[in-house]
């Protein structure tokens, strides 16, 4: 970077430095911050649309059916055994498949 600053001359070196900083900040925003915010919005919309009877995949890899929903927890029923009901946080759900209408 020192070579680029000396090649630009003394008058424009401050301008070149500011341009590099702006480019780096823009790169970081578009490659890291913006995609993360879009993913957070997608997950928030998915969890807000969660309903009783939906089939879910948890972050640990278990498939289950939602049987009760509270503010920040859900009770999920796993497998064919109707006694296997586990309360968990909504944030532990990674995918939701809506219940069929039929």
PDB file of N, CA and C in Angstrom:
ATOM      1  N   UNK A   1       0.834  -1.176   0.000  1.00  0.00           N
ATOM      2  CA  UNK A   1       0.000   0.000   0.000  1.00  0.00           C
ATOM      3  C   UNK A   1       0.877   1.236   0.000  1.00  0.00           C
ATOM      4  N   UNK A   2       2.074   1.136   0.574  1.00  0.00           N
ATOM      5  CA  UNK A   2       2.989   2.261   0.596  1.00  0.00           C
ATOM      6  C   UNK A   2       3.425   2.651  -0.801  1.00  0.00           C
ATOM      7  N   UNK A   3       3.574   1.669  -1.689  1.00  0.00           N
ATOM      8  CA  UNK A   3       3.964   1.943  -3.076  1.00  0.00           C
ATOM      9  C   UNK A   3       2.862   2.729  -3.773  1.00  0.00           C
ATOM     10  N   UNK A   4       1.605   2.356  -3.524  1.00  0.00           N
ATOM     11  CA  UNK A   4       0.503   3.064  -4.153  1.00  0.00           C
ATOM     12  C   UNK A   4       0.399   4.493  -3.646  1.00  0.00           C
ATOM     13  N   UNK A   5       0.673   4.697  -2.365  1.00  0.00           N
ATOM     14  CA  UNK A   5       0.591   6.044  -1.815  1.00  0.00           C
ATOM     15  C   UNK A   5       1.708   6.931  -2.361  1.00  0.00           C
ATOM     16  N   UNK A   6       2.907   6.385  -2.525  1.00  0.00           N
ATOM     17  CA  UNK A   6       4.000   7.198  -3.061  1.00  0.00           C
ATOM     18  C   UNK A   6       3.806   7.456  -4.546  1.00  0.00           C
ATOM     19  N   UNK A   7       3.183   6.522  -5.253  1.00  0.00           N
ATOM     20  CA  UNK A   7       2.944   6.721  -6.680  1.00  0.00           C
ATOM     21  C   UNK A   7       1.887   7.790  -6.912  1.00  0.00           C
ATOM     22  N   UNK A   8       0.973   7.955  -5.985  1.00  0.00           N
ATOM     23  CA  UNK A   8      -0.087   8.934  -6.163  1.00  0.00           C
ATOM     24  C   UNK A   8       0.391  10.350  -5.890  1.00  0.00           C
ATOM     25  N   UNK A   9       1.470  10.503  -5.216  1.00  0.00           N
ATOM     26  CA  UNK A   9       1.974  11.835  -4.913  1.00  0.00           C
ATOM     27  C   UNK A   9       1.517  12.281  -3.545  1.00  0.00           C
ATOM     28  N   UNK A  10       2.110  13.337  -3.071  1.00  0.00           N
ATOM     29  CA  UNK A  10       1.808  13.810  -1.728  1.00  0.00           C
ATOM     30  C   UNK A  10       0.437  14.487  -1.639  1.00  0.00           C
ATOM     31  N   UNK A  11       0.016  15.165  -2.697  1.00  0.00           N
ATOM     32  CA  UNK A  11      -1.248  15.896  -2.642  1.00  0.00           C
ATOM     33  C   UNK A  11      -2.451  14.957  -2.588  1.00  0.00           C
ATOM     34  N   UNK A  12      -2.395  13.856  -3.290  1.00  0.00           N
ATOM     35  CA  UNK A  12      -3.539  12.954  -3.400  1.00  0.00           C
ATOM     36  C   UNK A  12      -3.457  11.749  -2.464  1.00  0.00           C
ATOM     37  N   UNK A  13      -2.422  11.660  -1.648  1.00  0.00           N
ATOM     38  CA  UNK A  13      -2.256  10.468  -0.822  1.00  0.00           C
ATOM     39  C   UNK A  13      -3.385  10.330   0.206  1.00  0.00           C
ATOM     40  N   UNK A  14      -3.834  11.423   0.762  1.00  0.00           N
ATOM     41  CA  UNK A  14      -4.948  11.367   1.704  1.00  0.00           C
ATOM     42  C   UNK A  14      -6.225  10.921   1.022  1.00  0.00           C
ATOM     43  N   UNK A  15      -6.448  11.393  -0.196  1.00  0.00           N
ATOM     44  CA  UNK A  15      -7.631  11.006  -0.963  1.00  0.00           C
ATOM     45  C   UNK A  15      -7.614   9.519  -1.318  1.00  0.00           C
ATOM     46  N   UNK A  16      -6.461   9.025  -1.675  1.00  0.00           N
ATOM     47  CA  UNK A  16      -6.324   7.610  -2.017  1.00  0.00           C
ATOM     48  C   UNK A  16      -6.568   6.752  -0.785  1.00  0.00           C
ATOM     49  N   UNK A  17      -6.057   7.172   0.363  1.00  0.00           N
ATOM     50  CA  UNK A  17      -6.250   6.432   1.601  1.00  0.00           C
ATOM     51  C   UNK A  17      -7.738   6.390   1.978  1.00  0.00           C
ATOM     52  N   UNK A  18      -8.421   7.499   1.861  1.00  0.00           N
ATOM     53  CA  UNK A  18      -9.859   7.540   2.148  1.00  0.00           C
ATOM     54  C   UNK A  18     -10.617   6.644   1.173  1.00  0.00           C
ATOM     55  N   UNK A  19     -10.238   6.647  -0.081  1.00  0.00           N
ATOM     56  CA  UNK A  19     -10.901   5.800  -1.075  1.00  0.00           C
ATOM     57  C   UNK A  19     -10.712   4.324  -0.734  1.00  0.00           C
ATOM     58  N   UNK A  20      -9.508   3.927  -0.292  1.00  0.00           N
ATOM     59  CA  UNK A  20      -9.274   2.539   0.097  1.00  0.00           C
ATOM     60  C   UNK A  20     -10.117   2.155   1.308  1.00  0.00           C
ATOM     61  N   UNK A  21     -10.202   3.024   2.271  1.00  0.00           N
ATOM     62  CA  UNK A  21     -11.000   2.731   3.465  1.00  0.00           C
ATOM     63  C   UNK A  21     -12.471   2.579   3.098  1.00  0.00           C
ATOM     64  N   UNK A  22     -12.973   3.459   2.247  1.00  0.00           N
ATOM     65  CA  UNK A  22     -14.371   3.374   1.814  1.00  0.00           C
ATOM     66  C   UNK A  22     -14.614   2.074   1.054  1.00  0.00           C
ATOM     67  N   UNK A  23     -13.694   1.675   0.190  1.00  0.00           N
ATOM     68  CA  UNK A  23     -13.852   0.425  -0.546  1.00  0.00           C
ATOM     69  C   UNK A  23     -13.836  -0.788   0.387  1.00  0.00           C
ATOM     70  N   UNK A  24     -12.972  -0.783   1.363  1.00  0.00           N
ATOM     71  CA  UNK A  24     -12.895  -1.903   2.302  1.00  0.00           C
ATOM     72  C   UNK A  24     -14.176  -1.987   3.131  1.00  0.00           C
ATOM     73  N   UNK A  25     -14.677  -0.858   3.620  1.00  0.00           N
ATOM     74  CA  UNK A  25     -15.907  -0.854   4.406  1.00  0.00           C
ATOM     75  C   UNK A  25     -17.088  -1.321   3.552  1.00  0.00           C
ATOM     76  N   UNK A  26     -17.161  -0.870   2.315  1.00  0.00           N
ATOM     77  CA  UNK A  26     -18.246  -1.304   1.420  1.00  0.00           C
ATOM     78  C   UNK A  26     -18.156  -2.804   1.148  1.00  0.00           C
ATOM     79  N   UNK A  27     -16.950  -3.311   0.954  1.00  0.00           N
ATOM     80  CA  UNK A  27     -16.762  -4.744   0.726  1.00  0.00           C
ATOM     81  C   UNK A  27     -17.228  -5.554   1.933  1.00  0.00           C
ATOM     82  N   UNK A  28     -16.839  -5.120   3.122  1.00  0.00           N
ATOM     83  CA  UNK A  28     -17.236  -5.825   4.343  1.00  0.00           C
ATOM     84  C   UNK A  28     -18.756  -5.788   4.503  1.00  0.00           C
ATOM     85  N   UNK A  29     -19.370  -4.652   4.231  1.00  0.00           N
ATOM     86  CA  UNK A  29     -20.827  -4.542   4.368  1.00  0.00           C
ATOM     87  C   UNK A  29     -21.543  -5.499   3.416  1.00  0.00           C
ATOM     88  N   UNK A  30     -21.164  -5.494   2.136  1.00  0.00           N
ATOM     89  CA  UNK A  30     -21.887  -6.292   1.154  1.00  0.00           C
ATOM     90  C   UNK A  30     -21.552  -7.778   1.224  1.00  0.00           C
ATOM     91  N   UNK A  31     -20.413  -8.151   1.782  1.00  0.00           N
ATOM     92  CA  UNK A  31     -20.046  -9.560   1.844  1.00  0.00           C
ATOM     93  C   UNK A  31     -20.344 -10.205   3.190  1.00  0.00           C
ATOM     94  N   UNK A  32     -20.477  -9.420   4.256  1.00  0.00           N
ATOM     95  CA  UNK A  32     -20.649 -10.014   5.574  1.00  0.00           C
ATOM     96  C   UNK A  32     -21.915  -9.540   6.290  1.00  0.00           C
ATOM     97  N   UNK A  33     -22.127  -8.274   6.403  1.00  0.00           N
ATOM     98  CA  UNK A  33     -23.211  -7.739   7.222  1.00  0.00           C
ATOM     99  C   UNK A  33     -24.564  -7.897   6.537  1.00  0.00           C
ATOM    100  N   UNK A  34     -24.659  -7.528   5.282  1.00  0.00           N
ATOM    101  CA  UNK A  34     -25.934  -7.573   4.567  1.00  0.00           C
ATOM    102  C   UNK A  34     -26.494  -8.989   4.453  1.00  0.00           C
ATOM    103  N   UNK A  35     -25.717  -9.995   4.062  1.00  0.00           N
ATOM    104  CA  UNK A  35     -26.278 -11.356   4.009  1.00  0.00           C
ATOM    105  C   UNK A  35     -26.722 -11.873   5.378  1.00  0.00           C
ATOM    106  N   UNK A  36     -26.003 -11.501   6.432  1.00  0.00           N
ATOM    107  CA  UNK A  36     -26.383 -11.939   7.768  1.00  0.00           C
ATOM    108  C   UNK A  36     -27.720 -11.332   8.183  1.00  0.00           C
ATOM    109  N   UNK A  37     -27.951 -10.074   7.866  1.00  0.00           N
ATOM    110  CA  UNK A  37     -29.226  -9.432   8.189  1.00  0.00           C
ATOM    111  C   UNK A  37     -30.376 -10.059   7.402  1.00  0.00           C
ATOM    112  N   UNK A  38     -30.134 -10.389   6.127  1.00  0.00           N
ATOM    113  CA  UNK A  38     -31.174 -11.029   5.322  1.00  0.00           C
ATOM    114  C   UNK A  38     -31.533 -12.394   5.898  1.00  0.00           C
ATOM    115  N   UNK A  39     -30.539 -13.142   6.358  1.00  0.00           N
ATOM    116  CA  UNK A  39     -30.791 -14.452   6.957  1.00  0.00           C
ATOM    117  C   UNK A  39     -31.553 -14.310   8.269  1.00  0.00           C
ATOM    118  N   UNK A  40     -31.223 -13.308   9.076  1.00  0.00           N
ATOM    119  CA  UNK A  40     -31.944 -13.079  10.325  1.00  0.00           C
ATOM    120  C   UNK A  40     -33.407 -12.733  10.058  1.00  0.00           C
ATOM    121  N   UNK A  41     -33.676 -11.948   9.033  1.00  0.00           N
ATOM    122  CA  UNK A  41     -35.056 -11.611   8.676  1.00  0.00           C
ATOM    123  C   UNK A  41     -35.814 -12.840   8.205  1.00  0.00           C
ATOM    124  N   UNK A  42     -35.164 -13.702   7.425  1.00  0.00           N
ATOM    125  CA  UNK A  42     -35.796 -14.917   6.930  1.00  0.00           C
ATOM    126  C   UNK A  42     -36.155 -15.856   8.085  1.00  0.00           C
ATOM    127  N   UNK A  43     -35.229 -16.036   9.012  1.00  0.00           N
ATOM    128  CA  UNK A  43     -35.474 -16.916  10.157  1.00  0.00           C
ATOM    129  C   UNK A  43     -36.572 -16.331  11.047  1.00  0.00           C
ATOM    130  N   UNK A  44     -36.560 -15.022  11.252  1.00  0.00           N
ATOM    131  CA  UNK A  44     -37.604 -14.387  12.054  1.00  0.00           C
ATOM    132  C   UNK A  44     -38.979 -14.548  11.441  1.00  0.00           C
ATOM    133  N   UNK A  45     -39.075 -14.403  10.123  1.00  0.00           N
ATOM    134  CA  UNK A  45     -40.358 -14.581   9.436  1.00  0.00           C
ATOM    135  C   UNK A  45     -40.816 -16.036   9.511  1.00  0.00           C
ATOM    136  N   UNK A  46     -39.866 -16.971   9.393  1.00  0.00           N
ATOM    137  CA  UNK A  46     -40.211 -18.387   9.469  1.00  0.00           C
ATOM    138  C   UNK A  46     -40.747 -18.733  10.856  1.00  0.00           C
ATOM    139  N   UNK A  47     -40.098 -18.230  11.904  1.00  0.00           N
ATOM    140  CA  UNK A  47     -40.524 -18.548  13.262  1.00  0.00           C
ATOM    141  C   UNK A  47     -41.826 -17.839  13.637  1.00  0.00           C
ATOM    142  N   UNK A  48     -42.061 -16.660  13.092  1.00  0.00           N
ATOM    143  CA  UNK A  48     -43.315 -15.966  13.401  1.00  0.00           C
ATOM    144  C   UNK A  48     -44.509 -16.625  12.714  1.00  0.00           C
ATOM    145  N   UNK A  49     -44.269 -17.327  11.605  1.00  0.00           N
ATOM    146  CA  UNK A  49     -45.345 -18.011  10.888  1.00  0.00           C
ATOM    147  C   UNK A  49     -45.535 -19.446  11.371  1.00  0.00           C
ATOM    148  N   UNK A  50     -44.800 -19.847  12.392  1.00  0.00           N
ATOM    149  CA  UNK A  50     -44.890 -21.199  12.922  1.00  0.00           C
ATOM    150  C   UNK A  50     -46.272 -21.436  13.529  1.00  0.00           C
ATOM    151  N   UNK A  51     -46.876 -22.572  13.214  1.00  0.00           N
ATOM    152  CA  UNK A  51     -48.219 -22.890  13.710  1.00  0.00           C
ATOM    153  C   UNK A  51     -48.252 -24.322  14.233  1.00  0.00           C
ATOM    154  N   UNK A  52     -49.260 -24.606  15.027  1.00  0.00           N
ATOM    155  CA  UNK A  52     -49.439 -25.954  15.567  1.00  0.00           C
ATOM    156  C   UNK A  52     -49.727 -26.904  14.408  1.00  0.00           C
ATOM    157  N   UNK A  53     -49.068 -28.047  14.413  1.00  0.00           N
ATOM    158  CA  UNK A  53     -49.240 -29.035  13.357  1.00  0.00           C
ATOM    159  C   UNK A  53     -48.166 -28.988  12.294  1.00  0.00           C
ATOM    160  N   UNK A  54     -47.314 -27.967  12.309  1.00  0.00           N
ATOM    161  CA  UNK A  54     -46.240 -27.869  11.322  1.00  0.00           C
ATOM    162  C   UNK A  54     -45.158 -28.898  11.615  1.00  0.00           C
ATOM    163  N   UNK A  55     -44.567 -29.424  10.567  1.00  0.00           N
ATOM    164  CA  UNK A  55     -43.439 -30.332  10.691  1.00  0.00           C
ATOM    165  C   UNK A  55     -42.170 -29.497  10.723  1.00  0.00           C
ATOM    166  N   UNK A  56     -41.292 -29.768  11.707  1.00  0.00           N
ATOM    167  CA  UNK A  56     -40.091 -28.960  11.868  1.00  0.00           C
ATOM    168  C   UNK A  56     -38.852 -29.841  11.887  1.00  0.00           C
ATOM    169  N   UNK A  57     -37.729 -29.244  11.522  1.00  0.00           N
ATOM    170  CA  UNK A  57     -36.416 -29.857  11.646  1.00  0.00           C
ATOM    171  C   UNK A  57     -35.636 -29.021  12.636  1.00  0.00           C
ATOM    172  N   UNK A  58     -35.114 -29.652  13.681  1.00  0.00           N
ATOM    173  CA  UNK A  58     -34.371 -28.914  14.691  1.00  0.00           C
ATOM    174  C   UNK A  58     -32.909 -28.788  14.268  1.00  0.00           C
ATOM    175  N   UNK A  59     -32.182 -27.933  14.961  1.00  0.00           N
ATOM    176  CA  UNK A  59     -30.777 -27.747  14.647  1.00  0.00           C
ATOM    177  C   UNK A  59     -29.959 -28.992  14.961  1.00  0.00           C
ATOM    178  N   UNK A  60     -30.482 -29.871  15.809  1.00  0.00           N
ATOM    179  CA  UNK A  60     -29.770 -31.108  16.127  1.00  0.00           C
ATOM    180  C   UNK A  60     -30.108 -32.237  15.151  1.00  0.00           C
ATOM    181  N   UNK A  61     -31.023 -31.998  14.208  1.00  0.00           N
ATOM    182  CA  UNK A  61     -31.314 -32.960  13.163  1.00  0.00           C
ATOM    183  C   UNK A  61     -32.539 -33.815  13.399  1.00  0.00           C
ATOM    184  N   UNK A  62     -33.360 -33.491  14.379  1.00  0.00           N
ATOM    185  CA  UNK A  62     -34.558 -34.263  14.666  1.00  0.00           C
ATOM    186  C   UNK A  62     -35.760 -33.654  13.942  1.00  0.00           C
ATOM    187  N   UNK A  63     -36.602 -34.543  13.385  1.00  0.00           N
ATOM    188  CA  UNK A  63     -37.849 -34.115  12.772  1.00  0.00           C
ATOM    189  C   UNK A  63     -38.974 -34.325  13.770  1.00  0.00           C
ATOM    190  N   UNK A  64     -39.908 -33.367  13.824  1.00  0.00           N
ATOM    191  CA  UNK A  64     -41.017 -33.496  14.745  1.00  0.00           C
ATOM    192  C   UNK A  64     -42.188 -32.644  14.317  1.00  0.00           C
ATOM    193  N   UNK A  65     -43.266 -32.738  15.098  1.00  0.00           N
ATOM    194  CA  UNK A  65     -44.504 -31.995  14.844  1.00  0.00           C
ATOM    195  C   UNK A  65     -44.732 -31.048  16.023  1.00  0.00           C
ATOM    196  N   UNK A  66     -45.030 -29.786  15.718  1.00  0.00           N
ATOM    197  CA  UNK A  66     -45.290 -28.796  16.759  1.00  0.00           C
ATOM    198  C   UNK A  66     -46.677 -29.063  17.339  1.00  0.00           C
ATOM    199  N   UNK A  67     -46.753 -29.180  18.685  1.00  0.00           N
ATOM    200  CA  UNK A  67     -48.054 -29.415  19.305  1.00  0.00           C
ATOM    201  C   UNK A  67     -48.479 -28.278  20.222  1.00  0.00           C
ATOM    202  N   UNK A  68     -47.553 -27.389  20.597  1.00  0.00           N
ATOM    203  CA  UNK A  68     -47.911 -26.231  21.421  1.00  0.00           C
ATOM    204  C   UNK A  68     -46.863 -25.146  21.218  1.00  0.00           C
ATOM    205  N   UNK A  69     -47.308 -23.884  21.250  1.00  0.00           N
ATOM    206  CA  UNK A  69     -46.416 -22.741  21.043  1.00  0.00           C
ATOM    207  C   UNK A  69     -46.668 -21.726  22.146  1.00  0.00           C
ATOM    208  N   UNK A  70     -45.595 -21.250  22.774  1.00  0.00           N
ATOM    209  CA  UNK A  70     -45.677 -20.117  23.697  1.00  0.00           C
ATOM    210  C   UNK A  70     -44.805 -19.009  23.133  1.00  0.00           C
ATOM    211  N   UNK A  71     -44.483 -18.006  23.948  1.00  0.00           N
ATOM    212  CA  UNK A  71     -43.730 -16.851  23.454  1.00  0.00           C
ATOM    213  C   UNK A  71     -42.397 -17.238  22.812  1.00  0.00           C
ATOM    214  N   UNK A  72     -41.543 -17.932  23.557  1.00  0.00           N
ATOM    215  CA  UNK A  72     -40.225 -18.254  23.021  1.00  0.00           C
ATOM    216  C   UNK A  72     -39.917 -19.740  23.049  1.00  0.00           C
ATOM    217  N   UNK A  73     -40.885 -20.566  23.405  1.00  0.00           N
ATOM    218  CA  UNK A  73     -40.678 -22.015  23.401  1.00  0.00           C
ATOM    219  C   UNK A  73     -41.782 -22.705  22.621  1.00  0.00           C
ATOM    220  N   UNK A  74     -41.467 -23.902  22.160  1.00  0.00           N
ATOM    221  CA  UNK A  74     -42.432 -24.759  21.478  1.00  0.00           C
ATOM    222  C   UNK A  74     -42.318 -26.159  22.073  1.00  0.00           C
ATOM    223  N   UNK A  75     -43.389 -26.905  22.024  1.00  0.00           N
ATOM    224  CA  UNK A  75     -43.344 -28.306  22.418  1.00  0.00           C
ATOM    225  C   UNK A  75     -43.471 -29.124  21.142  1.00  0.00           C
ATOM    226  N   UNK A  76     -42.472 -29.972  20.923  1.00  0.00           N
ATOM    227  CA  UNK A  76     -42.386 -30.743  19.688  1.00  0.00           C
ATOM    228  C   UNK A  76     -42.534 -32.224  20.025  1.00  0.00           C
ATOM    229  N   UNK A  77     -43.324 -32.910  19.219  1.00  0.00           N
ATOM    230  CA  UNK A  77     -43.545 -34.346  19.386  1.00  0.00           C
ATOM    231  C   UNK A  77     -42.695 -35.075  18.354  1.00  0.00           C
ATOM    232  N   UNK A  78     -41.881 -36.011  18.824  1.00  0.00           N
ATOM    233  CA  UNK A  78     -40.950 -36.718  17.947  1.00  0.00           C
ATOM    234  C   UNK A  78     -41.370 -38.161  17.748  1.00  0.00           C
ATOM    235  N   UNK A  79     -41.248 -38.650  16.518  1.00  0.00           N
ATOM    236  CA  UNK A  79     -41.454 -40.059  16.212  1.00  0.00           C
ATOM    237  C   UNK A  79     -42.897 -40.513  16.335  1.00  0.00           C
ATOM    238  N   UNK A  80     -43.066 -41.833  16.307  1.00  0.00           N
ATOM    239  CA  UNK A  80     -44.400 -42.439  16.398  1.00  0.00           C
ATOM    240  C   UNK A  80     -44.891 -42.525  17.824  1.00  0.00           C
ATOM    241  N   UNK A  81     -43.980 -42.439  18.776  1.00  0.00           N
ATOM    242  CA  UNK A  81     -44.347 -42.517  20.180  1.00  0.00           C
ATOM    243  C   UNK A  81     -44.958 -41.189  20.605  1.00  0.00           C
ATOM    244  N   UNK A  82     -46.231 -41.198  20.949  1.00  0.00           N
ATOM    245  CA  UNK A  82     -46.928 -39.958  21.297  1.00  0.00           C
ATOM    246  C   UNK A  82     -46.503 -39.414  22.664  1.00  0.00           C
ATOM    247  N   UNK A  83     -45.703 -40.174  23.413  1.00  0.00           N
ATOM    248  CA  UNK A  83     -45.235 -39.712  24.717  1.00  0.00           C
ATOM    249  C   UNK A  83     -43.911 -38.965  24.645  1.00  0.00           C
ATOM    250  N   UNK A  84     -43.332 -38.875  23.489  1.00  0.00           N
ATOM    251  CA  UNK A  84     -42.039 -38.200  23.340  1.00  0.00           C
ATOM    252  C   UNK A  84     -42.272 -36.746  22.938  1.00  0.00           C
ATOM    253  N   UNK A  85     -42.560 -35.928  23.919  1.00  0.00           N
ATOM    254  CA  UNK A  85     -42.822 -34.502  23.689  1.00  0.00           C
ATOM    255  C   UNK A  85     -41.753 -33.708  24.427  1.00  0.00           C
ATOM    256  N   UNK A  86     -41.057 -32.854  23.704  1.00  0.00           N
ATOM    257  CA  UNK A  86     -39.935 -32.125  24.282  1.00  0.00           C
ATOM    258  C   UNK A  86     -40.143 -30.634  24.094  1.00  0.00           C
ATOM    259  N   UNK A  87     -40.091 -29.850  25.181  1.00  0.00           N
ATOM    260  CA  UNK A  87     -40.118 -28.394  25.027  1.00  0.00           C
ATOM    261  C   UNK A  87     -38.740 -27.902  24.587  1.00  0.00           C
ATOM    262  N   UNK A  88     -38.725 -26.959  23.677  1.00  0.00           N
ATOM    263  CA  UNK A  88     -37.456 -26.394  23.201  1.00  0.00           C
ATOM    264  C   UNK A  88     -37.661 -24.944  22.788  1.00  0.00           C
ATOM    265  N   UNK A  89     -36.557 -24.234  22.661  1.00  0.00           N
ATOM    266  CA  UNK A  89     -36.625 -22.841  22.234  1.00  0.00           C
ATOM    267  C   UNK A  89     -36.957 -22.773  20.752  1.00  0.00           C
ATOM    268  N   UNK A  90     -37.617 -21.686  20.379  1.00  0.00           N
ATOM    269  CA  UNK A  90     -37.943 -21.498  18.961  1.00  0.00           C
ATOM    270  C   UNK A  90     -36.680 -21.386  18.108  1.00  0.00           C
ATOM    271  N   UNK A  91     -35.613 -20.853  18.684  1.00  0.00           N
ATOM    272  CA  UNK A  91     -34.377 -20.673  17.927  1.00  0.00           C
ATOM    273  C   UNK A  91     -33.714 -21.995  17.566  1.00  0.00           C
ATOM    274  N   UNK A  92     -34.155 -23.110  18.180  1.00  0.00           N
ATOM    275  CA  UNK A  92     -33.593 -24.422  17.856  1.00  0.00           C
ATOM    276  C   UNK A  92     -34.224 -25.015  16.603  1.00  0.00           C
ATOM    277  N   UNK A  93     -35.159 -24.323  15.989  1.00  0.00           N
ATOM    278  CA  UNK A  93     -35.812 -24.816  14.772  1.00  0.00           C
ATOM    279  C   UNK A  93     -35.094 -24.234  13.566  1.00  0.00           C
ATOM    280  N   UNK A  94     -34.672 -25.111  12.661  1.00  0.00           N
ATOM    281  CA  UNK A  94     -33.939 -24.637  11.492  1.00  0.00           C
ATOM    282  C   UNK A  94     -34.779 -24.638  10.215  1.00  0.00           C
ATOM    283  N   UNK A  95     -35.783 -25.508  10.125  1.00  0.00           N
ATOM    284  CA  UNK A  95     -36.657 -25.542   8.946  1.00  0.00           C
ATOM    285  C   UNK A  95     -38.084 -25.834   9.376  1.00  0.00           C
ATOM    286  N   UNK A  96     -39.026 -25.295   8.620  1.00  0.00           N
ATOM    287  CA  UNK A  96     -40.441 -25.523   8.905  1.00  0.00           C
ATOM    288  C   UNK A  96     -41.124 -25.942   7.611  1.00  0.00           C
ATOM    289  N   UNK A  97     -41.929 -27.010   7.710  1.00  0.00           N
ATOM    290  CA  UNK A  97     -42.752 -27.429   6.574  1.00  0.00           C
ATOM    291  C   UNK A  97     -44.198 -27.341   7.038  1.00  0.00           C
ATOM    292  N   UNK A  98     -44.965 -26.530   6.374  1.00  0.00           N
ATOM    293  CA  UNK A  98     -46.355 -26.311   6.768  1.00  0.00           C
ATOM    294  C   UNK A  98     -47.168 -27.584   6.652  1.00  0.00           C
ATOM    295  N   UNK A  99     -48.151 -27.705   7.543  1.00  0.00           N
ATOM    296  CA  UNK A  99     -49.048 -28.850   7.526  1.00  0.00           C
ATOM    297  C   UNK A  99     -49.888 -28.807   6.258  1.00  0.00           C
ATOM    298  N   UNK A 100     -50.141 -29.962   5.673  1.00  0.00           N
ATOM    299  CA  UNK A 100     -50.945 -29.990   4.446  1.00  0.00           C
ATOM    300  C   UNK A 100     -52.388 -29.679   4.760  1.00  0.00           C
ATOM    301  N   UNK A 101     -53.108 -29.120   3.804  1.00  0.00           N
ATOM    302  CA  UNK A 101     -54.486 -28.690   3.983  1.00  0.00           C
ATOM    303  C   UNK A 101     -55.476 -29.840   3.906  1.00  0.00           C
ATOM    304  N   UNK A 102     -55.051 -30.991   3.379  1.00  0.00           N
ATOM    305  CA  UNK A 102     -55.988 -32.108   3.184  1.00  0.00           C
ATOM    306  C   UNK A 102     -56.246 -32.905   4.434  1.00  0.00           C
TER     307      UNK A 102
END
